Amino acid sequence: MVNGAMPEEHLSPAYFLRHDESSAVRLYLLDRPSDRRYWRPWTKQEIEASERAASEPRTIFEPLAKKAGEGCFLPDAYRPEHRRQRFMGELPHQWTEIYGTCECGQFVEWWIKFCDGVASEFCSEPPTYPAGFFDDAGELDL
């Protein structure tokens, strides 16, 4: 995070679990921020400071030199309601691990089962499979 804003190039894919129009729980991919209302160009002072840092010998920050016309998205740009949400499609009978930090600071981890793209089960422990469950996996040429 730089000056309270995240540089766009440091984003990894983000997902959002929410109800769709028919109240089914579905998984959505969040696109990178693009709403220019939450864009802030670098100031002249920030550009000059980054150029000074980049000019120092053997600095690791050289590739991060700020340039005129560049900038960053403000933290609000990363909120799900301010990003394009794309439905992940049909995830037939697939368990997905979802984890993160709760507002209280505690780490949380859940496994959610999707059947035909809709969340159908969830649990706080990894799913287990009965003995022999993967015996027919040879047909998949793995």
N, C-alpha and C. Protein backbone atom coordinates (compact mmCIF):
# COMPACT_ATOMS: atom_id res chain seq x y z
N MET A 1 0.85 -1.18 0.00
CA MET A 1 0.00 0.00 0.00
C MET A 1 0.89 1.23 0.00
N VAL A 2 0.58 2.16 -0.86
CA VAL A 2 1.39 3.38 -0.98
C VAL A 2 0.50 4.58 -0.69
N ASN A 3 0.88 5.36 0.32
CA ASN A 3 0.12 6.57 0.69
C ASN A 3 -1.39 6.30 0.78
N GLY A 4 -1.75 5.19 1.40
CA GLY A 4 -3.16 4.86 1.57
C GLY A 4 -3.82 4.33 0.32
N ALA A 5 -3.07 4.01 -0.72
CA ALA A 5 -3.65 3.49 -1.95
C ALA A 5 -2.84 2.29 -2.41
N MET A 6 -3.49 1.36 -3.10
CA MET A 6 -2.82 0.16 -3.58
C MET A 6 -2.43 0.30 -5.03
N PRO A 7 -1.16 0.06 -5.38
CA PRO A 7 -0.79 0.06 -6.80
C PRO A 7 -1.48 -1.09 -7.51
N GLU A 8 -2.02 -0.83 -8.66
CA GLU A 8 -2.81 -1.80 -9.40
C GLU A 8 -2.04 -3.06 -9.74
N GLU A 9 -0.74 -2.97 -9.99
CA GLU A 9 0.02 -4.13 -10.43
C GLU A 9 0.20 -5.18 -9.33
N HIS A 10 -0.15 -4.87 -8.09
CA HIS A 10 0.02 -5.82 -7.00
C HIS A 10 -1.25 -6.63 -6.72
N LEU A 11 -2.23 -6.54 -7.58
CA LEU A 11 -3.49 -7.24 -7.35
C LEU A 11 -3.40 -8.69 -7.77
N SER A 12 -3.96 -9.56 -6.97
CA SER A 12 -4.15 -10.94 -7.38
C SER A 12 -5.65 -11.11 -7.59
N PRO A 13 -6.07 -12.19 -8.24
CA PRO A 13 -7.51 -12.34 -8.47
C PRO A 13 -8.29 -12.30 -7.15
N ALA A 14 -9.43 -11.64 -7.18
CA ALA A 14 -10.28 -11.54 -6.00
C ALA A 14 -11.64 -12.11 -6.33
N TYR A 15 -12.24 -12.77 -5.37
CA TYR A 15 -13.54 -13.41 -5.56
C TYR A 15 -14.50 -12.88 -4.51
N PHE A 16 -15.78 -12.96 -4.83
CA PHE A 16 -16.81 -12.42 -3.96
C PHE A 16 -17.97 -13.40 -3.94
N LEU A 17 -18.37 -13.82 -2.77
CA LEU A 17 -19.48 -14.75 -2.60
C LEU A 17 -20.70 -13.92 -2.22
N ARG A 18 -21.78 -13.99 -3.04
CA ARG A 18 -22.96 -13.19 -2.74
C ARG A 18 -24.21 -13.85 -3.32
N HIS A 19 -25.36 -13.32 -2.92
CA HIS A 19 -26.64 -13.79 -3.46
C HIS A 19 -26.86 -13.18 -4.84
N ASP A 20 -27.39 -13.98 -5.76
CA ASP A 20 -27.76 -13.45 -7.07
C ASP A 20 -29.20 -12.96 -7.03
N GLU A 21 -29.74 -12.60 -8.19
CA GLU A 21 -31.10 -12.05 -8.25
C GLU A 21 -32.17 -13.03 -7.75
N SER A 22 -31.89 -14.34 -7.84
CA SER A 22 -32.87 -15.33 -7.39
C SER A 22 -32.56 -15.85 -5.98
N SER A 23 -31.68 -15.17 -5.25
CA SER A 23 -31.29 -15.49 -3.87
C SER A 23 -30.38 -16.70 -3.74
N ALA A 24 -29.88 -17.25 -4.86
CA ALA A 24 -28.91 -18.34 -4.79
C ALA A 24 -27.54 -17.73 -4.48
N VAL A 25 -26.74 -18.44 -3.69
CA VAL A 25 -25.39 -17.97 -3.37
C VAL A 25 -24.45 -18.41 -4.48
N ARG A 26 -23.77 -17.46 -5.10
CA ARG A 26 -22.87 -17.74 -6.22
C ARG A 26 -21.52 -17.07 -5.98
N LEU A 27 -20.52 -17.59 -6.69
CA LEU A 27 -19.17 -17.06 -6.60
C LEU A 27 -18.91 -16.16 -7.81
N TYR A 28 -18.38 -14.96 -7.55
CA TYR A 28 -18.10 -13.99 -8.60
C TYR A 28 -16.62 -13.61 -8.58
N LEU A 29 -16.06 -13.41 -9.76
CA LEU A 29 -14.71 -12.89 -9.91
C LEU A 29 -14.81 -11.37 -9.95
N LEU A 30 -13.99 -10.70 -9.15
CA LEU A 30 -13.98 -9.24 -9.15
C LEU A 30 -12.88 -8.76 -10.09
N ASP A 31 -13.25 -7.96 -11.08
CA ASP A 31 -12.26 -7.39 -11.98
C ASP A 31 -11.41 -6.37 -11.23
N ARG A 32 -10.28 -6.02 -11.82
CA ARG A 32 -9.45 -4.98 -11.23
C ARG A 32 -10.24 -3.68 -11.20
N PRO A 33 -9.93 -2.79 -10.27
CA PRO A 33 -10.63 -1.51 -10.24
C PRO A 33 -10.49 -0.77 -11.57
N SER A 34 -11.57 -0.10 -11.96
CA SER A 34 -11.53 0.67 -13.21
C SER A 34 -12.32 1.97 -13.10
N ASP A 35 -13.05 2.15 -12.01
CA ASP A 35 -13.88 3.34 -11.83
C ASP A 35 -12.98 4.56 -11.57
N ARG A 36 -12.92 5.45 -12.55
CA ARG A 36 -12.03 6.60 -12.46
C ARG A 36 -12.39 7.57 -11.33
N ARG A 37 -13.56 7.43 -10.74
CA ARG A 37 -13.91 8.28 -9.59
C ARG A 37 -12.96 8.00 -8.42
N TYR A 38 -12.37 6.80 -8.40
CA TYR A 38 -11.49 6.41 -7.30
C TYR A 38 -10.02 6.40 -7.71
N TRP A 39 -9.69 7.08 -8.80
CA TRP A 39 -8.32 7.17 -9.29
C TRP A 39 -7.69 8.46 -8.81
N ARG A 40 -6.42 8.38 -8.41
CA ARG A 40 -5.70 9.57 -8.00
C ARG A 40 -4.34 9.58 -8.69
N PRO A 41 -4.08 10.62 -9.52
CA PRO A 41 -2.76 10.69 -10.17
C PRO A 41 -1.68 11.05 -9.14
N TRP A 42 -0.44 10.63 -9.44
CA TRP A 42 0.67 10.99 -8.56
C TRP A 42 0.85 12.50 -8.57
N THR A 43 1.17 13.05 -7.42
CA THR A 43 1.46 14.49 -7.34
C THR A 43 2.90 14.74 -7.78
N LYS A 44 3.19 15.98 -8.08
CA LYS A 44 4.55 16.36 -8.49
C LYS A 44 5.54 16.00 -7.38
N GLN A 45 5.16 16.22 -6.13
CA GLN A 45 6.03 15.90 -5.00
C GLN A 45 6.30 14.39 -4.91
N GLU A 46 5.27 13.56 -5.13
CA GLU A 46 5.46 12.11 -5.08
C GLU A 46 6.38 11.64 -6.20
N ILE A 47 6.23 12.22 -7.38
CA ILE A 47 7.08 11.85 -8.53
C ILE A 47 8.53 12.23 -8.24
N GLU A 48 8.74 13.44 -7.73
CA GLU A 48 10.10 13.89 -7.41
C GLU A 48 10.73 13.01 -6.34
N ALA A 49 9.97 12.66 -5.31
CA ALA A 49 10.50 11.81 -4.24
C ALA A 49 10.87 10.43 -4.76
N SER A 50 10.05 9.86 -5.64
CA SER A 50 10.35 8.53 -6.17
C SER A 50 11.54 8.58 -7.11
N GLU A 51 11.70 9.69 -7.85
CA GLU A 51 12.88 9.84 -8.72
C GLU A 51 14.16 9.94 -7.90
N ARG A 52 14.09 10.65 -6.76
CA ARG A 52 15.26 10.73 -5.88
C ARG A 52 15.62 9.34 -5.34
N ALA A 53 14.63 8.60 -4.91
CA ALA A 53 14.87 7.26 -4.38
C ALA A 53 15.42 6.34 -5.47
N ALA A 54 14.90 6.46 -6.68
CA ALA A 54 15.35 5.60 -7.78
C ALA A 54 16.76 5.94 -8.24
N SER A 55 17.19 7.18 -8.01
CA SER A 55 18.53 7.58 -8.46
C SER A 55 19.63 7.15 -7.50
N GLU A 56 19.25 6.69 -6.32
CA GLU A 56 20.25 6.22 -5.36
C GLU A 56 20.87 4.94 -5.90
N PRO A 57 22.18 4.78 -5.70
CA PRO A 57 22.85 3.60 -6.27
C PRO A 57 22.31 2.29 -5.69
N ARG A 58 22.10 1.34 -6.59
CA ARG A 58 21.70 -0.03 -6.25
C ARG A 58 20.47 -0.09 -5.35
N THR A 59 19.51 0.73 -5.62
CA THR A 59 18.29 0.70 -4.83
C THR A 59 17.33 -0.33 -5.39
N ILE A 60 16.61 -0.99 -4.52
CA ILE A 60 15.63 -1.98 -4.98
C ILE A 60 14.35 -1.30 -5.45
N PHE A 61 14.22 0.00 -5.21
CA PHE A 61 12.99 0.71 -5.56
C PHE A 61 13.03 1.31 -6.96
N GLU A 62 14.09 1.15 -7.68
CA GLU A 62 14.23 1.76 -9.00
C GLU A 62 13.07 1.43 -9.93
N PRO A 63 12.62 0.17 -10.01
CA PRO A 63 11.51 -0.11 -10.93
C PRO A 63 10.19 0.54 -10.52
N LEU A 64 10.10 1.03 -9.28
CA LEU A 64 8.86 1.62 -8.79
C LEU A 64 8.81 3.13 -8.96
N ALA A 65 9.70 3.70 -9.75
CA ALA A 65 9.71 5.14 -9.95
C ALA A 65 8.38 5.59 -10.54
N LYS A 66 7.81 6.62 -9.95
CA LYS A 66 6.52 7.14 -10.40
C LYS A 66 6.73 8.10 -11.56
N LYS A 67 5.77 8.10 -12.48
CA LYS A 67 5.87 8.95 -13.67
C LYS A 67 4.61 9.80 -13.80
N ALA A 68 4.75 10.95 -14.45
CA ALA A 68 3.60 11.82 -14.71
C ALA A 68 2.59 11.05 -15.55
N GLY A 69 1.31 11.21 -15.23
CA GLY A 69 0.25 10.51 -15.94
C GLY A 69 -0.13 9.19 -15.29
N GLU A 70 0.72 8.69 -14.39
CA GLU A 70 0.40 7.47 -13.65
C GLU A 70 -0.21 7.85 -12.32
N GLY A 71 -0.68 6.86 -11.59
CA GLY A 71 -1.28 7.10 -10.30
C GLY A 71 -1.69 5.80 -9.67
N CYS A 72 -2.69 5.87 -8.82
CA CYS A 72 -3.17 4.67 -8.14
C CYS A 72 -4.66 4.80 -7.86
N PHE A 73 -5.27 3.66 -7.59
CA PHE A 73 -6.66 3.65 -7.17
C PHE A 73 -6.71 3.79 -5.65
N LEU A 74 -7.65 4.55 -5.16
CA LEU A 74 -7.85 4.74 -3.73
C LEU A 74 -8.46 3.47 -3.13
N PRO A 75 -8.35 3.26 -1.82
CA PRO A 75 -8.87 2.04 -1.21
C PRO A 75 -10.33 1.74 -1.54
N ASP A 76 -11.19 2.75 -1.65
CA ASP A 76 -12.60 2.49 -1.97
C ASP A 76 -12.79 1.82 -3.32
N ALA A 77 -11.83 1.97 -4.23
CA ALA A 77 -11.94 1.34 -5.55
C ALA A 77 -11.93 -0.18 -5.45
N TYR A 78 -11.40 -0.72 -4.35
CA TYR A 78 -11.28 -2.16 -4.18
C TYR A 78 -12.49 -2.79 -3.52
N ARG A 79 -13.46 -1.99 -3.13
CA ARG A 79 -14.68 -2.53 -2.53
C ARG A 79 -15.47 -3.27 -3.61
N PRO A 80 -16.07 -4.42 -3.29
CA PRO A 80 -16.79 -5.21 -4.31
C PRO A 80 -17.86 -4.42 -5.06
N GLU A 81 -18.56 -3.52 -4.37
CA GLU A 81 -19.63 -2.77 -5.04
C GLU A 81 -19.10 -1.77 -6.06
N HIS A 82 -17.79 -1.49 -6.04
CA HIS A 82 -17.21 -0.55 -7.00
C HIS A 82 -16.41 -1.25 -8.09
N ARG A 83 -16.54 -2.58 -8.17
CA ARG A 83 -15.81 -3.34 -9.18
C ARG A 83 -16.78 -4.19 -9.99
N ARG A 84 -16.42 -4.47 -11.23
CA ARG A 84 -17.24 -5.34 -12.07
C ARG A 84 -17.17 -6.76 -11.50
N GLN A 85 -18.33 -7.41 -11.38
CA GLN A 85 -18.41 -8.76 -10.83
C GLN A 85 -18.83 -9.71 -11.94
N ARG A 86 -18.01 -10.73 -12.18
CA ARG A 86 -18.33 -11.71 -13.22
C ARG A 86 -18.63 -13.05 -12.59
N PHE A 87 -19.79 -13.59 -12.92
CA PHE A 87 -20.21 -14.90 -12.41
C PHE A 87 -19.21 -15.94 -12.88
N MET A 88 -18.78 -16.80 -11.97
CA MET A 88 -17.74 -17.78 -12.27
C MET A 88 -18.24 -18.95 -13.12
N GLY A 89 -19.50 -18.96 -13.47
CA GLY A 89 -20.00 -20.03 -14.33
C GLY A 89 -20.37 -21.25 -13.52
N GLU A 90 -20.55 -22.31 -14.23
CA GLU A 90 -20.96 -23.56 -13.60
C GLU A 90 -19.75 -24.26 -13.00
N LEU A 91 -19.73 -24.42 -11.71
CA LEU A 91 -18.69 -25.17 -11.02
C LEU A 91 -19.32 -26.49 -10.57
N PRO A 92 -19.33 -27.49 -11.42
CA PRO A 92 -20.08 -28.71 -11.09
C PRO A 92 -19.45 -29.48 -9.94
N HIS A 93 -20.15 -29.56 -8.85
CA HIS A 93 -19.77 -30.40 -7.71
C HIS A 93 -18.32 -30.17 -7.30
N GLN A 94 -17.96 -28.94 -7.08
CA GLN A 94 -16.58 -28.57 -6.75
C GLN A 94 -16.53 -27.92 -5.38
N TRP A 95 -15.57 -28.36 -4.55
CA TRP A 95 -15.33 -27.72 -3.27
C TRP A 95 -14.32 -26.60 -3.47
N THR A 96 -14.57 -25.45 -2.87
CA THR A 96 -13.68 -24.30 -2.97
C THR A 96 -13.32 -23.85 -1.56
N GLU A 97 -12.02 -23.68 -1.32
CA GLU A 97 -11.56 -23.19 -0.02
C GLU A 97 -11.55 -21.66 -0.05
N ILE A 98 -12.18 -21.05 0.93
CA ILE A 98 -12.23 -19.59 1.04
C ILE A 98 -11.73 -19.22 2.42
N TYR A 99 -10.79 -18.28 2.47
CA TYR A 99 -10.22 -17.90 3.75
C TYR A 99 -9.89 -16.41 3.76
N GLY A 100 -9.72 -15.90 4.94
CA GLY A 100 -9.39 -14.49 5.08
C GLY A 100 -9.37 -14.11 6.55
N THR A 101 -9.29 -12.84 6.82
CA THR A 101 -9.26 -12.35 8.19
C THR A 101 -10.59 -11.65 8.48
N CYS A 102 -11.20 -12.06 9.55
CA CYS A 102 -12.47 -11.50 9.99
C CYS A 102 -12.25 -10.06 10.46
N GLU A 103 -13.31 -9.27 10.54
CA GLU A 103 -13.22 -7.90 11.04
C GLU A 103 -12.63 -7.85 12.44
N CYS A 104 -12.83 -8.93 13.21
CA CYS A 104 -12.31 -8.98 14.58
C CYS A 104 -10.83 -9.33 14.61
N GLY A 105 -10.23 -9.64 13.45
CA GLY A 105 -8.82 -9.96 13.37
C GLY A 105 -8.52 -11.45 13.36
N GLN A 106 -9.54 -12.28 13.56
CA GLN A 106 -9.34 -13.73 13.59
C GLN A 106 -9.31 -14.30 12.17
N PHE A 107 -8.42 -15.26 11.92
CA PHE A 107 -8.33 -15.93 10.63
C PHE A 107 -9.51 -16.90 10.51
N VAL A 108 -10.21 -16.88 9.38
CA VAL A 108 -11.33 -17.80 9.15
C VAL A 108 -11.09 -18.56 7.86
N GLU A 109 -11.57 -19.80 7.84
CA GLU A 109 -11.37 -20.67 6.68
C GLU A 109 -12.62 -21.55 6.52
N TRP A 110 -13.17 -21.55 5.32
CA TRP A 110 -14.36 -22.33 5.02
C TRP A 110 -14.17 -23.09 3.72
N TRP A 111 -14.85 -24.22 3.60
CA TRP A 111 -14.92 -24.97 2.35
C TRP A 111 -16.37 -24.92 1.90
N ILE A 112 -16.58 -24.50 0.67
CA ILE A 112 -17.93 -24.35 0.13
C ILE A 112 -18.06 -25.24 -1.08
N LYS A 113 -19.13 -26.02 -1.11
CA LYS A 113 -19.37 -26.91 -2.25
C LYS A 113 -20.34 -26.24 -3.21
N PHE A 114 -19.95 -26.20 -4.48
CA PHE A 114 -20.80 -25.64 -5.53
C PHE A 114 -21.35 -26.78 -6.37
N CYS A 115 -22.64 -26.78 -6.59
CA CYS A 115 -23.29 -27.73 -7.49
C CYS A 115 -24.00 -26.91 -8.56
N ASP A 116 -23.60 -27.10 -9.79
CA ASP A 116 -24.15 -26.34 -10.91
C ASP A 116 -24.05 -24.83 -10.67
N GLY A 117 -22.92 -24.41 -10.09
CA GLY A 117 -22.66 -22.99 -9.91
C GLY A 117 -23.29 -22.35 -8.69
N VAL A 118 -24.03 -23.11 -7.89
CA VAL A 118 -24.71 -22.57 -6.72
C VAL A 118 -24.12 -23.22 -5.47
N ALA A 119 -23.83 -22.42 -4.44
CA ALA A 119 -23.31 -22.97 -3.18
C ALA A 119 -24.37 -23.87 -2.56
N SER A 120 -24.00 -25.12 -2.27
CA SER A 120 -24.96 -26.07 -1.73
C SER A 120 -24.61 -26.56 -0.33
N GLU A 121 -23.33 -26.50 0.05
CA GLU A 121 -22.90 -26.93 1.38
C GLU A 121 -21.72 -26.08 1.80
N PHE A 122 -21.46 -26.04 3.10
CA PHE A 122 -20.24 -25.42 3.59
C PHE A 122 -19.83 -26.10 4.89
N CYS A 123 -18.53 -26.06 5.17
CA CYS A 123 -18.03 -26.64 6.41
C CYS A 123 -16.74 -25.93 6.80
N SER A 124 -16.36 -26.07 8.07
CA SER A 124 -15.16 -25.40 8.55
C SER A 124 -13.94 -26.32 8.55
N GLU A 125 -14.12 -27.56 8.15
CA GLU A 125 -13.02 -28.53 8.03
C GLU A 125 -12.94 -28.98 6.58
N PRO A 126 -11.74 -29.36 6.11
CA PRO A 126 -11.64 -29.84 4.72
C PRO A 126 -12.56 -31.03 4.49
N PRO A 127 -13.19 -31.10 3.33
CA PRO A 127 -14.07 -32.23 3.05
C PRO A 127 -13.26 -33.53 2.97
N THR A 128 -13.88 -34.61 3.39
CA THR A 128 -13.23 -35.93 3.30
C THR A 128 -14.01 -36.78 2.31
N TYR A 129 -13.32 -37.72 1.73
CA TYR A 129 -13.93 -38.60 0.74
C TYR A 129 -13.80 -40.03 1.20
N PRO A 130 -14.80 -40.86 0.95
CA PRO A 130 -14.75 -42.26 1.38
C PRO A 130 -13.63 -43.01 0.66
N ALA A 131 -13.17 -44.10 1.27
CA ALA A 131 -12.15 -44.95 0.65
C ALA A 131 -12.63 -45.38 -0.73
N GLY A 132 -11.74 -45.34 -1.70
CA GLY A 132 -12.08 -45.75 -3.06
C GLY A 132 -12.72 -44.67 -3.90
N PHE A 133 -12.91 -43.47 -3.33
CA PHE A 133 -13.59 -42.39 -4.05
C PHE A 133 -12.89 -42.05 -5.36
N PHE A 134 -11.56 -42.08 -5.36
CA PHE A 134 -10.80 -41.69 -6.55
C PHE A 134 -10.36 -42.88 -7.39
N ASP A 135 -10.89 -44.07 -7.13
CA ASP A 135 -10.47 -45.26 -7.87
C ASP A 135 -10.73 -45.16 -9.37
N ASP A 136 -11.76 -44.44 -9.78
CA ASP A 136 -12.08 -44.31 -11.20
C ASP A 136 -11.36 -43.14 -11.85
N ALA A 137 -10.45 -42.49 -11.14
CA ALA A 137 -9.76 -41.32 -11.69
C ALA A 137 -8.84 -41.68 -12.84
N GLY A 138 -8.51 -42.96 -13.02
CA GLY A 138 -7.65 -43.38 -14.13
C GLY A 138 -8.25 -43.06 -15.47
N GLU A 139 -9.56 -42.97 -15.55
CA GLU A 139 -10.24 -42.64 -16.80
C GLU A 139 -9.97 -41.20 -17.23
N LEU A 140 -9.48 -40.37 -16.32
CA LEU A 140 -9.28 -38.95 -16.62
C LEU A 140 -7.93 -38.66 -17.25
N ASP A 141 -7.08 -39.65 -17.42
CA ASP A 141 -5.73 -39.48 -17.98
C ASP A 141 -4.93 -38.43 -17.23
N LEU A 142 -4.93 -38.53 -15.91
CA LEU A 142 -4.17 -37.57 -15.09
C LEU A 142 -2.74 -38.01 -14.94
